[in-house]
Amino acid sequence: MSLIKVVLAVIVAVVLIRAGLVLLRALATPVPEPPPPGDLRKVKLQYRCSLCGTEVRMTVATEQDPDPPRHCMEDMEIVATEE
């Protein structure tokens, strides 16, 4: 009975150590550099047309702070950002 407990304890310890090492490696990975200009970047912006009320959510753009889209021949107003 005690042999089974020892083997089980060793297996649990190995699993916990491996999980800890995987977590530490993930934390030690550096943040990737931003993509070169012209490539698509992830953004989370929401715009609203001041004339008709149409709303648009922008999820990718070529720059981090893109120009607002146009609707009803006017620039749309920003409603929400990713903050």
PDB file of N, CA and C in Angstrom:
ATOM      1  N   MET A   1       0.820  -1.187   0.000  1.00  0.00           N
ATOM      2  CA  MET A   1       0.000   0.000   0.000  1.00  0.00           C
ATOM      3  C   MET A   1       0.870   1.259   0.000  1.00  0.00           C
ATOM      4  N   SER A   2       1.927   1.300   0.784  1.00  0.00           N
ATOM      5  CA  SER A   2       2.767   2.494   0.832  1.00  0.00           C
ATOM      6  C   SER A   2       3.582   2.656  -0.451  1.00  0.00           C
ATOM      7  N   LEU A   3       3.906   1.570  -1.132  1.00  0.00           N
ATOM      8  CA  LEU A   3       4.628   1.653  -2.404  1.00  0.00           C
ATOM      9  C   LEU A   3       3.767   2.363  -3.448  1.00  0.00           C
ATOM     10  N   ILE A   4       2.485   2.081  -3.448  1.00  0.00           N
ATOM     11  CA  ILE A   4       1.565   2.733  -4.394  1.00  0.00           C
ATOM     12  C   ILE A   4       1.500   4.234  -4.106  1.00  0.00           C
ATOM     13  N   LYS A   5       1.469   4.604  -2.841  1.00  0.00           N
ATOM     14  CA  LYS A   5       1.419   6.014  -2.462  1.00  0.00           C
ATOM     15  C   LYS A   5       2.693   6.744  -2.879  1.00  0.00           C
ATOM     16  N   VAL A   6       3.830   6.104  -2.734  1.00  0.00           N
ATOM     17  CA  VAL A   6       5.097   6.721  -3.125  1.00  0.00           C
ATOM     18  C   VAL A   6       5.149   6.914  -4.639  1.00  0.00           C
ATOM     19  N   VAL A   7       4.759   5.905  -5.397  1.00  0.00           N
ATOM     20  CA  VAL A   7       4.759   6.004  -6.863  1.00  0.00           C
ATOM     21  C   VAL A   7       3.794   7.095  -7.314  1.00  0.00           C
ATOM     22  N   LEU A   8       2.624   7.145  -6.702  1.00  0.00           N
ATOM     23  CA  LEU A   8       1.643   8.169  -7.038  1.00  0.00           C
ATOM     24  C   LEU A   8       2.166   9.571  -6.705  1.00  0.00           C
ATOM     25  N   ALA A   9       2.836   9.713  -5.572  1.00  0.00           N
ATOM     26  CA  ALA A   9       3.399  10.997  -5.180  1.00  0.00           C
ATOM     27  C   ALA A   9       4.493  11.438  -6.160  1.00  0.00           C
ATOM     28  N   VAL A  10       5.314  10.517  -6.616  1.00  0.00           N
ATOM     29  CA  VAL A  10       6.366  10.843  -7.585  1.00  0.00           C
ATOM     30  C   VAL A  10       5.745  11.280  -8.908  1.00  0.00           C
ATOM     31  N   ILE A  11       4.714  10.595  -9.352  1.00  0.00           N
ATOM     32  CA  ILE A  11       4.046  10.951 -10.610  1.00  0.00           C
ATOM     33  C   ILE A  11       3.431  12.348 -10.504  1.00  0.00           C
ATOM     34  N   VAL A  12       2.766  12.635  -9.387  1.00  0.00           N
ATOM     35  CA  VAL A  12       2.161  13.950  -9.192  1.00  0.00           C
ATOM     36  C   VAL A  12       3.245  15.029  -9.162  1.00  0.00           C
ATOM     37  N   ALA A  13       4.357  14.759  -8.507  1.00  0.00           N
ATOM     38  CA  ALA A  13       5.443  15.739  -8.431  1.00  0.00           C
ATOM     39  C   ALA A  13       6.021  16.021  -9.816  1.00  0.00           C
ATOM     40  N   VAL A  14       6.217  14.989 -10.614  1.00  0.00           N
ATOM     41  CA  VAL A  14       6.751  15.174 -11.968  1.00  0.00           C
ATOM     42  C   VAL A  14       5.789  16.003 -12.809  1.00  0.00           C
ATOM     43  N   VAL A  15       4.498  15.713 -12.714  1.00  0.00           N
ATOM     44  CA  VAL A  15       3.503  16.469 -13.484  1.00  0.00           C
ATOM     45  C   VAL A  15       3.505  17.930 -13.052  1.00  0.00           C
ATOM     46  N   LEU A  16       3.559  18.207 -11.757  1.00  0.00           N
ATOM     47  CA  LEU A  16       3.563  19.585 -11.269  1.00  0.00           C
ATOM     48  C   LEU A  16       4.833  20.332 -11.684  1.00  0.00           C
ATOM     49  N   ILE A  17       5.964  19.673 -11.641  1.00  0.00           N
ATOM     50  CA  ILE A  17       7.220  20.311 -12.054  1.00  0.00           C
ATOM     51  C   ILE A  17       7.187  20.641 -13.542  1.00  0.00           C
ATOM     52  N   ARG A  18       6.695  19.710 -14.354  1.00  0.00           N
ATOM     53  CA  ARG A  18       6.619  19.969 -15.804  1.00  0.00           C
ATOM     54  C   ARG A  18       5.652  21.107 -16.103  1.00  0.00           C
ATOM     55  N   ALA A  19       4.514  21.135 -15.421  1.00  0.00           N
ATOM     56  CA  ALA A  19       3.549  22.212 -15.636  1.00  0.00           C
ATOM     57  C   ALA A  19       4.159  23.554 -15.228  1.00  0.00           C
ATOM     58  N   GLY A  20       4.898  23.581 -14.140  1.00  0.00           N
ATOM     59  CA  GLY A  20       5.557  24.810 -13.702  1.00  0.00           C
ATOM     60  C   GLY A  20       6.596  25.285 -14.698  1.00  0.00           C
ATOM     61  N   LEU A  21       7.363  24.364 -15.245  1.00  0.00           N
ATOM     62  CA  LEU A  21       8.373  24.734 -16.237  1.00  0.00           C
ATOM     63  C   LEU A  21       7.739  25.269 -17.513  1.00  0.00           C
ATOM     64  N   VAL A  22       6.644  24.662 -17.938  1.00  0.00           N
ATOM     65  CA  VAL A  22       5.938  25.151 -19.130  1.00  0.00           C
ATOM     66  C   VAL A  22       5.430  26.568 -18.876  1.00  0.00           C
ATOM     67  N   LEU A  23       4.887  26.813 -17.694  1.00  0.00           N
ATOM     68  CA  LEU A  23       4.394  28.141 -17.348  1.00  0.00           C
ATOM     69  C   LEU A  23       5.531  29.171 -17.323  1.00  0.00           C
ATOM     70  N   LEU A  24       6.656  28.814 -16.740  1.00  0.00           N
ATOM     71  CA  LEU A  24       7.794  29.729 -16.697  1.00  0.00           C
ATOM     72  C   LEU A  24       8.343  30.020 -18.086  1.00  0.00           C
ATOM     73  N   ARG A  25       8.387  29.020 -18.954  1.00  0.00           N
ATOM     74  CA  ARG A  25       8.844  29.244 -20.327  1.00  0.00           C
ATOM     75  C   ARG A  25       7.903  30.177 -21.068  1.00  0.00           C
ATOM     76  N   ALA A  26       6.601  30.031 -20.831  1.00  0.00           N
ATOM     77  CA  ALA A  26       5.630  30.902 -21.488  1.00  0.00           C
ATOM     78  C   ALA A  26       5.799  32.342 -21.015  1.00  0.00           C
ATOM     79  N   LEU A  27       6.082  32.543 -19.744  1.00  0.00           N
ATOM     80  CA  LEU A  27       6.276  33.886 -19.216  1.00  0.00           C
ATOM     81  C   LEU A  27       7.595  34.502 -19.681  1.00  0.00           C
ATOM     82  N   ALA A  28       8.587  33.664 -19.946  1.00  0.00           N
ATOM     83  CA  ALA A  28       9.902  34.156 -20.348  1.00  0.00           C
ATOM     84  C   ALA A  28       9.982  34.484 -21.838  1.00  0.00           C
ATOM     85  N   THR A  29       8.980  34.102 -22.618  1.00  0.00           N
ATOM     86  CA  THR A  29       8.988  34.376 -24.049  1.00  0.00           C
ATOM     87  C   THR A  29       8.795  35.875 -24.274  1.00  0.00           C
ATOM     88  N   PRO A  30       9.672  36.530 -25.030  1.00  0.00           N
ATOM     89  CA  PRO A  30       9.542  37.976 -25.241  1.00  0.00           C
ATOM     90  C   PRO A  30       8.324  38.316 -26.100  1.00  0.00           C
ATOM     91  N   VAL A  31       7.841  39.531 -25.961  1.00  0.00           N
ATOM     92  CA  VAL A  31       6.706  40.011 -26.745  1.00  0.00           C
ATOM     93  C   VAL A  31       7.173  40.186 -28.185  1.00  0.00           C
ATOM     94  N   PRO A  32       6.401  39.691 -29.152  1.00  0.00           N
ATOM     95  CA  PRO A  32       6.836  39.832 -30.541  1.00  0.00           C
ATOM     96  C   PRO A  32       6.830  41.296 -30.974  1.00  0.00           C
ATOM     97  N   GLU A  33       7.703  41.616 -31.924  1.00  0.00           N
ATOM     98  CA  GLU A  33       7.783  42.977 -32.444  1.00  0.00           C
ATOM     99  C   GLU A  33       6.515  43.293 -33.240  1.00  0.00           C
ATOM    100  N   PRO A  34       6.121  44.562 -33.287  1.00  0.00           N
ATOM    101  CA  PRO A  34       4.933  44.911 -34.082  1.00  0.00           C
ATOM    102  C   PRO A  34       5.184  44.626 -35.555  1.00  0.00           C
ATOM    103  N   PRO A  35       4.136  44.313 -36.289  1.00  0.00           N
ATOM    104  CA  PRO A  35       4.320  44.004 -37.709  1.00  0.00           C
ATOM    105  C   PRO A  35       4.773  45.241 -38.476  1.00  0.00           C
ATOM    106  N   PRO A  36       5.439  45.048 -39.609  1.00  0.00           N
ATOM    107  CA  PRO A  36       5.877  46.188 -40.415  1.00  0.00           C
ATOM    108  C   PRO A  36       4.680  46.986 -40.936  1.00  0.00           C
ATOM    109  N   PRO A  37       4.881  48.251 -41.271  1.00  0.00           N
ATOM    110  CA  PRO A  37       3.775  49.069 -41.788  1.00  0.00           C
ATOM    111  C   PRO A  37       3.144  48.424 -43.012  1.00  0.00           C
ATOM    112  N   GLY A  38       1.838  48.460 -43.065  1.00  0.00           N
ATOM    113  CA  GLY A  38       1.118  47.865 -44.190  1.00  0.00           C
ATOM    114  C   GLY A  38       0.527  46.517 -43.858  1.00  0.00           C
ATOM    115  N   ASP A  39       1.087  45.788 -42.895  1.00  0.00           N
ATOM    116  CA  ASP A  39       0.505  44.518 -42.483  1.00  0.00           C
ATOM    117  C   ASP A  39      -0.678  44.794 -41.570  1.00  0.00           C
ATOM    118  N   LEU A  40      -1.594  43.851 -41.507  1.00  0.00           N
ATOM    119  CA  LEU A  40      -2.779  44.036 -40.677  1.00  0.00           C
ATOM    120  C   LEU A  40      -2.449  43.823 -39.207  1.00  0.00           C
ATOM    121  N   ARG A  41      -3.013  44.679 -38.344  1.00  0.00           N
ATOM    122  CA  ARG A  41      -2.828  44.610 -36.893  1.00  0.00           C
ATOM    123  C   ARG A  41      -4.197  44.447 -36.248  1.00  0.00           C
ATOM    124  N   LYS A  42      -4.222  43.788 -35.103  1.00  0.00           N
ATOM    125  CA  LYS A  42      -5.476  43.632 -34.375  1.00  0.00           C
ATOM    126  C   LYS A  42      -5.792  44.927 -33.632  1.00  0.00           C
ATOM    127  N   VAL A  43      -6.997  45.426 -33.833  1.00  0.00           N
ATOM    128  CA  VAL A  43      -7.501  46.595 -33.111  1.00  0.00           C
ATOM    129  C   VAL A  43      -8.928  46.271 -32.679  1.00  0.00           C
ATOM    130  N   LYS A  44      -9.417  47.014 -31.728  1.00  0.00           N
ATOM    131  CA  LYS A  44     -10.803  46.829 -31.282  1.00  0.00           C
ATOM    132  C   LYS A  44     -11.409  48.216 -31.120  1.00  0.00           C
ATOM    133  N   LEU A  45     -11.972  48.730 -32.209  1.00  0.00           N
ATOM    134  CA  LEU A  45     -12.537  50.071 -32.235  1.00  0.00           C
ATOM    135  C   LEU A  45     -13.993  49.989 -32.679  1.00  0.00           C
ATOM    136  N   GLN A  46     -14.813  50.858 -32.117  1.00  0.00           N
ATOM    137  CA  GLN A  46     -16.217  50.903 -32.509  1.00  0.00           C
ATOM    138  C   GLN A  46     -16.565  52.337 -32.900  1.00  0.00           C
ATOM    139  N   TYR A  47     -17.195  52.487 -34.060  1.00  0.00           N
ATOM    140  CA  TYR A  47     -17.551  53.798 -34.596  1.00  0.00           C
ATOM    141  C   TYR A  47     -19.063  53.891 -34.778  1.00  0.00           C
ATOM    142  N   ARG A  48     -19.575  55.142 -34.728  1.00  0.00           N
ATOM    143  CA  ARG A  48     -21.002  55.395 -34.962  1.00  0.00           C
ATOM    144  C   ARG A  48     -21.137  56.586 -35.902  1.00  0.00           C
ATOM    145  N   CYS A  49     -22.053  56.453 -36.869  1.00  0.00           N
ATOM    146  CA  CYS A  49     -22.353  57.550 -37.784  1.00  0.00           C
ATOM    147  C   CYS A  49     -23.239  58.545 -37.044  1.00  0.00           C
ATOM    148  N   SER A  50     -22.840  59.820 -37.043  1.00  0.00           N
ATOM    149  CA  SER A  50     -23.611  60.829 -36.309  1.00  0.00           C
ATOM    150  C   SER A  50     -24.907  61.190 -37.032  1.00  0.00           C
ATOM    151  N   LEU A  51     -25.020  60.878 -38.328  1.00  0.00           N
ATOM    152  CA  LEU A  51     -26.227  61.233 -39.072  1.00  0.00           C
ATOM    153  C   LEU A  51     -27.315  60.157 -39.005  1.00  0.00           C
ATOM    154  N   CYS A  52     -26.943  58.900 -39.221  1.00  0.00           N
ATOM    155  CA  CYS A  52     -27.971  57.849 -39.274  1.00  0.00           C
ATOM    156  C   CYS A  52     -27.884  56.850 -38.121  1.00  0.00           C
ATOM    157  N   GLY A  53     -26.802  56.862 -37.342  1.00  0.00           N
ATOM    158  CA  GLY A  53     -26.695  55.959 -36.196  1.00  0.00           C
ATOM    159  C   GLY A  53     -26.099  54.598 -36.495  1.00  0.00           C
ATOM    160  N   THR A  54     -25.650  54.357 -37.705  1.00  0.00           N
ATOM    161  CA  THR A  54     -25.023  53.084 -38.048  1.00  0.00           C
ATOM    162  C   THR A  54     -23.750  52.899 -37.238  1.00  0.00           C
ATOM    163  N   GLU A  55     -23.568  51.692 -36.684  1.00  0.00           N
ATOM    164  CA  GLU A  55     -22.365  51.400 -35.901  1.00  0.00           C
ATOM    165  C   GLU A  55     -21.506  50.371 -36.627  1.00  0.00           C
ATOM    166  N   VAL A  56     -20.193  50.534 -36.513  1.00  0.00           N
ATOM    167  CA  VAL A  56     -19.223  49.650 -37.158  1.00  0.00           C
ATOM    168  C   VAL A  56     -18.166  49.287 -36.135  1.00  0.00           C
ATOM    169  N   ARG A  57     -17.788  48.009 -36.077  1.00  0.00           N
ATOM    170  CA  ARG A  57     -16.684  47.565 -35.222  1.00  0.00           C
ATOM    171  C   ARG A  57     -15.513  47.193 -36.122  1.00  0.00           C
ATOM    172  N   MET A  58     -14.360  47.802 -35.865  1.00  0.00           N
ATOM    173  CA  MET A  58     -13.146  47.525 -36.632  1.00  0.00           C
ATOM    174  C   MET A  58     -12.272  46.588 -35.809  1.00  0.00           C
ATOM    175  N   THR A  59     -11.897  45.452 -36.386  1.00  0.00           N
ATOM    176  CA  THR A  59     -11.093  44.468 -35.662  1.00  0.00           C
ATOM    177  C   THR A  59      -9.669  44.352 -36.176  1.00  0.00           C
ATOM    178  N   VAL A  60      -9.428  44.713 -37.444  1.00  0.00           N
ATOM    179  CA  VAL A  60      -8.066  44.724 -37.991  1.00  0.00           C
ATOM    180  C   VAL A  60      -7.881  45.995 -38.810  1.00  0.00           C
ATOM    181  N   ALA A  61      -6.661  46.506 -38.796  1.00  0.00           N
ATOM    182  CA  ALA A  61      -6.339  47.720 -39.553  1.00  0.00           C
ATOM    183  C   ALA A  61      -4.864  47.684 -39.911  1.00  0.00           C
ATOM    184  N   THR A  62      -4.474  48.559 -40.826  1.00  0.00           N
ATOM    185  CA  THR A  62      -3.073  48.611 -41.239  1.00  0.00           C
ATOM    186  C   THR A  62      -2.226  49.389 -40.256  1.00  0.00           C
ATOM    187  N   GLU A  63      -2.835  50.195 -39.368  1.00  0.00           N
ATOM    188  CA  GLU A  63      -2.106  50.938 -38.340  1.00  0.00           C
ATOM    189  C   GLU A  63      -2.810  50.743 -37.003  1.00  0.00           C
ATOM    190  N   GLN A  64      -2.110  51.068 -35.935  1.00  0.00           N
ATOM    191  CA  GLN A  64      -2.681  50.911 -34.601  1.00  0.00           C
ATOM    192  C   GLN A  64      -3.785  51.945 -34.354  1.00  0.00           C
ATOM    193  N   ASP A  65      -3.648  53.138 -34.921  1.00  0.00           N
ATOM    194  CA  ASP A  65      -4.637  54.206 -34.758  1.00  0.00           C
ATOM    195  C   ASP A  65      -5.117  54.643 -36.146  1.00  0.00           C
ATOM    196  N   PRO A  66      -6.032  53.891 -36.762  1.00  0.00           N
ATOM    197  CA  PRO A  66      -6.439  54.183 -38.142  1.00  0.00           C
ATOM    198  C   PRO A  66      -7.380  55.383 -38.224  1.00  0.00           C
ATOM    199  N   ASP A  67      -7.485  55.943 -39.424  1.00  0.00           N
ATOM    200  CA  ASP A  67      -8.454  57.008 -39.675  1.00  0.00           C
ATOM    201  C   ASP A  67      -9.862  56.423 -39.569  1.00  0.00           C
ATOM    202  N   PRO A  68     -10.838  57.225 -39.121  1.00  0.00           N
ATOM    203  CA  PRO A  68     -12.205  56.704 -39.001  1.00  0.00           C
ATOM    204  C   PRO A  68     -12.814  56.439 -40.373  1.00  0.00           C
ATOM    205  N   PRO A  69     -13.673  55.424 -40.451  1.00  0.00           N
ATOM    206  CA  PRO A  69     -14.349  55.163 -41.731  1.00  0.00           C
ATOM    207  C   PRO A  69     -15.369  56.259 -42.020  1.00  0.00           C
ATOM    208  N   ARG A  70     -15.802  56.330 -43.281  1.00  0.00           N
ATOM    209  CA  ARG A  70     -16.781  57.341 -43.676  1.00  0.00           C
ATOM    210  C   ARG A  70     -18.121  56.664 -43.933  1.00  0.00           C
ATOM    211  N   HIS A  71     -19.200  57.354 -43.531  1.00  0.00           N
ATOM    212  CA  HIS A  71     -20.559  56.887 -43.774  1.00  0.00           C
ATOM    213  C   HIS A  71     -21.431  58.115 -43.935  1.00  0.00           C
ATOM    214  N   CYS A  72     -22.373  58.094 -44.816  1.00  0.00           N
ATOM    215  CA  CYS A  72     -23.229  59.258 -45.108  1.00  0.00           C
ATOM    216  C   CYS A  72     -22.378  60.473 -45.473  1.00  0.00           C
ATOM    217  N   MET A  73     -21.265  60.221 -46.144  1.00  0.00           N
ATOM    218  CA  MET A  73     -20.344  61.256 -46.613  1.00  0.00           C
ATOM    219  C   MET A  73     -19.656  62.027 -45.482  1.00  0.00           C
ATOM    220  N   GLU A  74     -19.657  61.498 -44.262  1.00  0.00           N
ATOM    221  CA  GLU A  74     -19.012  62.117 -43.101  1.00  0.00           C
ATOM    222  C   GLU A  74     -18.146  61.090 -42.392  1.00  0.00           C
ATOM    223  N   ASP A  75     -17.098  61.546 -41.689  1.00  0.00           N
ATOM    224  CA  ASP A  75     -16.303  60.646 -40.858  1.00  0.00           C
ATOM    225  C   ASP A  75     -17.153  60.173 -39.679  1.00  0.00           C
ATOM    226  N   MET A  76     -17.026  58.895 -39.356  1.00  0.00           N
ATOM    227  CA  MET A  76     -17.768  58.349 -38.218  1.00  0.00           C
ATOM    228  C   MET A  76     -17.079  58.748 -36.923  1.00  0.00           C
ATOM    229  N   GLU A  77     -17.842  58.835 -35.832  1.00  0.00           N
ATOM    230  CA  GLU A  77     -17.302  59.196 -34.519  1.00  0.00           C
ATOM    231  C   GLU A  77     -16.932  57.935 -33.764  1.00  0.00           C
ATOM    232  N   ILE A  78     -15.808  57.964 -33.052  1.00  0.00           N
ATOM    233  CA  ILE A  78     -15.381  56.813 -32.273  1.00  0.00           C
ATOM    234  C   ILE A  78     -16.246  56.708 -31.019  1.00  0.00           C
ATOM    235  N   VAL A  79     -16.727  55.492 -30.731  1.00  0.00           N
ATOM    236  CA  VAL A  79     -17.574  55.257 -29.571  1.00  0.00           C
ATOM    237  C   VAL A  79     -16.799  54.546 -28.475  1.00  0.00           C
ATOM    238  N   ALA A  80     -16.046  53.510 -28.839  1.00  0.00           N
ATOM    239  CA  ALA A  80     -15.312  52.727 -27.843  1.00  0.00           C
ATOM    240  C   ALA A  80     -13.985  52.291 -28.429  1.00  0.00           C
ATOM    241  N   THR A  81     -12.974  52.225 -27.537  1.00  0.00           N
ATOM    242  CA  THR A  81     -11.664  51.700 -27.926  1.00  0.00           C
ATOM    243  C   THR A  81     -11.396  50.461 -27.109  1.00  0.00           C
ATOM    244  N   GLU A  82     -10.212  49.877 -27.276  1.00  0.00           N
ATOM    245  CA  GLU A  82      -9.887  48.641 -26.572  1.00  0.00           C
ATOM    246  C   GLU A  82      -9.583  48.826 -25.092  1.00  0.00           C
ATOM    247  N   GLU A  83      -9.439  50.058 -24.605  1.00  0.00           N
ATOM    248  CA  GLU A  83      -9.173  50.275 -23.197  1.00  0.00           C
ATOM    249  C   GLU A  83     -10.385  50.076 -22.376  1.00  0.00           C
TER     250      GLU A  83
END
